[in-house]
Amino acid sequence: MPQSTDAPVESREPVQLMVIGSAQGIETIVQTLHLRGFAHVSEWSIAMPHSSGRLMRVLTRWVQQER
């Protein structure tokens, strides 16, 4: 989804997508989504610990709020 830089900040909200699993599994998903044009690899956070004991990476997208 394209991000608009023209919209006022207060009319947008952050939505976060998380991928949780092993380092190899996460990398596979991030690379697959990149190849499909969903998000560049650099848009994802670094791998960090998740409360489940596995790893996670987070992608934040900004979307228009419905009024």
C-alpha atoms as a PDB file:
ATOM      1  CA  MET A   1       0.000   0.000   0.000  1.00  0.00           C
ATOM      2  CA  PRO A   2       1.494   3.377  -0.937  1.00  0.00           C
ATOM      3  CA  GLN A   3       2.368   5.724   1.861  1.00  0.00           C
ATOM      4  CA  SER A   4       1.177   9.288   1.480  1.00  0.00           C
ATOM      5  CA  THR A   5       3.439  12.042   2.735  1.00  0.00           C
ATOM      6  CA  ASP A   6       0.763  14.674   2.030  1.00  0.00           C
ATOM      7  CA  ALA A   7      -1.653  13.549   4.768  1.00  0.00           C
ATOM      8  CA  PRO A   8      -1.376  15.194   8.183  1.00  0.00           C
ATOM      9  CA  VAL A   9       0.282  12.946  10.751  1.00  0.00           C
ATOM     10  CA  GLU A  10      -2.813  12.904  12.990  1.00  0.00           C
ATOM     11  CA  SER A  11      -4.894  11.305  10.204  1.00  0.00           C
ATOM     12  CA  ARG A  12      -2.598   8.279  10.002  1.00  0.00           C
ATOM     13  CA  GLU A  13      -1.948   5.430  12.393  1.00  0.00           C
ATOM     14  CA  PRO A  14       0.904   2.932  12.612  1.00  0.00           C
ATOM     15  CA  VAL A  15       0.097  -0.729  12.013  1.00  0.00           C
ATOM     16  CA  GLN A  16       2.765  -3.265  12.864  1.00  0.00           C
ATOM     17  CA  LEU A  17       3.259  -6.677  11.318  1.00  0.00           C
ATOM     18  CA  MET A  18       5.361  -9.214  13.215  1.00  0.00           C
ATOM     19  CA  VAL A  19       7.103 -12.337  11.969  1.00  0.00           C
ATOM     20  CA  ILE A  20       7.975 -14.699  14.823  1.00  0.00           C
ATOM     21  CA  GLY A  21      10.040 -17.861  14.527  1.00  0.00           C
ATOM     22  CA  SER A  22      13.572 -19.096  13.986  1.00  0.00           C
ATOM     23  CA  ALA A  23      16.170 -16.820  12.397  1.00  0.00           C
ATOM     24  CA  GLN A  24      16.091 -18.888   9.204  1.00  0.00           C
ATOM     25  CA  GLY A  25      12.279 -18.976   9.052  1.00  0.00           C
ATOM     26  CA  ILE A  26      11.990 -15.231   9.571  1.00  0.00           C
ATOM     27  CA  GLU A  27      14.595 -14.523   6.894  1.00  0.00           C
ATOM     28  CA  THR A  28      12.712 -16.748   4.431  1.00  0.00           C
ATOM     29  CA  ILE A  29       9.463 -14.826   4.999  1.00  0.00           C
ATOM     30  CA  VAL A  30      11.124 -11.385   4.842  1.00  0.00           C
ATOM     31  CA  GLN A  31      12.945 -12.302   1.604  1.00  0.00           C
ATOM     32  CA  THR A  32       9.775 -13.795   0.070  1.00  0.00           C
ATOM     33  CA  LEU A  33       7.746 -10.680   0.880  1.00  0.00           C
ATOM     34  CA  HIS A  34      10.528  -8.541  -0.599  1.00  0.00           C
ATOM     35  CA  LEU A  35      10.556 -10.568  -3.840  1.00  0.00           C
ATOM     36  CA  ARG A  36       6.768 -10.112  -4.069  1.00  0.00           C
ATOM     37  CA  GLY A  37       7.141  -6.333  -3.711  1.00  0.00           C
ATOM     38  CA  PHE A  38       5.540  -6.098  -0.268  1.00  0.00           C
ATOM     39  CA  ALA A  39       8.405  -4.503   1.664  1.00  0.00           C
ATOM     40  CA  HIS A  40      12.115  -3.929   1.222  1.00  0.00           C
ATOM     41  CA  VAL A  41      14.250  -6.013   3.575  1.00  0.00           C
ATOM     42  CA  SER A  42      15.663  -2.848   5.179  1.00  0.00           C
ATOM     43  CA  GLU A  43      12.161  -1.739   6.251  1.00  0.00           C
ATOM     44  CA  TRP A  44      11.987  -4.553   8.802  1.00  0.00           C
ATOM     45  CA  SER A  45      13.448  -4.184  12.283  1.00  0.00           C
ATOM     46  CA  ILE A  46      16.481  -6.181  13.307  1.00  0.00           C
ATOM     47  CA  ALA A  47      15.766  -9.607  14.776  1.00  0.00           C
ATOM     48  CA  MET A  48      14.961  -9.343  18.472  1.00  0.00           C
ATOM     49  CA  PRO A  49      13.884 -11.768  21.198  1.00  0.00           C
ATOM     50  CA  HIS A  50      10.174 -12.571  21.533  1.00  0.00           C
ATOM     51  CA  SER A  51       8.500 -13.592  24.789  1.00  0.00           C
ATOM     52  CA  SER A  52       8.004 -17.109  23.352  1.00  0.00           C
ATOM     53  CA  GLY A  53      11.769 -17.635  23.354  1.00  0.00           C
ATOM     54  CA  ARG A  54      11.897 -17.328  19.559  1.00  0.00           C
ATOM     55  CA  LEU A  55      12.945 -14.306  17.490  1.00  0.00           C
ATOM     56  CA  MET A  56      10.829 -11.657  15.783  1.00  0.00           C
ATOM     57  CA  ARG A  57      11.119  -8.873  13.232  1.00  0.00           C
ATOM     58  CA  VAL A  58       8.622  -6.020  12.938  1.00  0.00           C
ATOM     59  CA  LEU A  59       7.460  -3.988   9.955  1.00  0.00           C
ATOM     60  CA  THR A  60       5.558  -0.734  10.536  1.00  0.00           C
ATOM     61  CA  ARG A  61       3.188   0.663   7.938  1.00  0.00           C
ATOM     62  CA  TRP A  62       1.217   3.913   8.233  1.00  0.00           C
ATOM     63  CA  VAL A  63      -2.427   3.810   7.143  1.00  0.00           C
ATOM     64  CA  GLN A  64      -5.136   6.417   6.798  1.00  0.00           C
ATOM     65  CA  GLN A  65      -7.570   6.447   9.713  1.00  0.00           C
ATOM     66  CA  GLU A  66     -11.212   6.077   8.799  1.00  0.00           C
ATOM     67  CA  ARG A  67     -13.305   9.019   9.923  1.00  0.00           C
END
